[in-house]
Amino acid sequence: MQFAEGDGFQHVHVHFVARSDDWPPAWKGPGVFSAFGADDPVDTGKVTEIMEAVAAHLGTETTPVGPPT
């Protein structure tokens, strides 16, 4: 997802969403935000692996963050 359509945006804001194969159809597209707080989130190790690969491809470094509190 990429959100930068608002007036005054000076940056590009991108969400990379790691999905589980068995997520419900309602969690496709913008509905993916319904997955926050899911009982069975995608493994954080796998998410880190994906983000590090994306960062390497872009020639940048990752900034680790923890789960929402």
Protein backbone atom coordinates (compact mmCIF):
# COMPACT_ATOMS: atom_id res chain seq x y z
CA MET A 1 0.00 0.00 0.00
CA GLN A 2 1.14 3.51 -0.64
CA PHE A 3 -0.56 6.54 0.89
CA ALA A 4 0.58 9.99 -0.25
CA GLU A 5 -2.53 11.45 -1.78
CA GLY A 6 -3.19 14.20 0.75
CA ASP A 7 -2.43 17.87 0.24
CA GLY A 8 0.90 18.90 1.71
CA PHE A 9 2.52 15.46 1.76
CA GLN A 10 6.29 15.82 1.50
CA HIS A 11 7.08 12.12 1.72
CA VAL A 12 5.88 8.73 0.58
CA HIS A 13 4.38 6.47 3.24
CA VAL A 14 4.39 2.77 2.36
CA HIS A 15 3.04 -0.21 4.29
CA PHE A 16 4.52 -3.65 3.64
CA VAL A 17 2.07 -6.25 4.89
CA ALA A 18 3.15 -9.82 5.52
CA ARG A 19 0.08 -12.01 5.16
CA SER A 20 -0.82 -15.42 6.43
CA ASP A 21 -2.21 -17.82 3.80
CA ASP A 22 -5.37 -18.45 5.82
CA TRP A 23 -6.43 -14.83 6.42
CA PRO A 24 -10.09 -14.11 5.63
CA PRO A 25 -11.03 -12.39 2.35
CA ALA A 26 -12.22 -9.34 4.31
CA TRP A 27 -8.56 -8.65 5.16
CA LYS A 28 -7.63 -7.90 1.53
CA GLY A 29 -6.84 -4.38 0.32
CA PRO A 30 -7.54 -1.67 2.90
CA GLY A 31 -9.31 -4.30 5.04
CA VAL A 32 -5.87 -5.60 6.02
CA PHE A 33 -5.85 -3.07 8.87
CA SER A 34 -8.49 -5.28 10.52
CA ALA A 35 -5.67 -7.75 11.17
CA PHE A 36 -4.15 -5.54 13.87
CA GLY A 37 -4.46 -7.43 17.12
CA ALA A 38 -5.00 -10.77 15.37
CA ASP A 39 -4.55 -13.80 17.62
CA ASP A 40 -2.09 -15.42 15.19
CA PRO A 41 0.14 -12.69 13.70
CA VAL A 42 2.80 -13.39 11.11
CA ASP A 43 6.01 -14.53 12.80
CA THR A 44 8.18 -11.48 13.62
CA GLY A 45 11.31 -13.32 12.45
CA LYS A 46 9.77 -13.76 8.99
CA VAL A 47 8.68 -10.11 8.92
CA THR A 48 12.24 -9.03 9.81
CA GLU A 49 13.64 -11.27 7.08
CA ILE A 50 11.31 -9.71 4.49
CA MET A 51 12.03 -6.14 5.57
CA GLU A 52 15.79 -6.69 5.54
CA ALA A 53 15.55 -8.09 2.00
CA VAL A 54 13.50 -5.06 0.87
CA ALA A 55 15.95 -2.66 2.55
CA ALA A 56 18.92 -4.40 0.90
CA HIS A 57 17.20 -4.14 -2.48
CA LEU A 58 16.60 -0.41 -1.93
CA GLY A 59 20.14 0.15 -0.63
CA THR A 60 19.04 1.35 2.79
CA GLU A 61 18.94 0.05 6.36
CA THR A 62 15.97 -1.14 8.40
CA THR A 63 14.78 0.54 11.58
CA PRO A 64 13.55 -2.15 13.98
CA VAL A 65 10.28 -1.45 15.77
CA GLY A 66 8.32 -3.44 18.27
CA PRO A 67 4.69 -4.46 18.23
CA PRO A 68 2.09 -1.78 18.98
CA THR A 69 1.50 -1.23 22.68
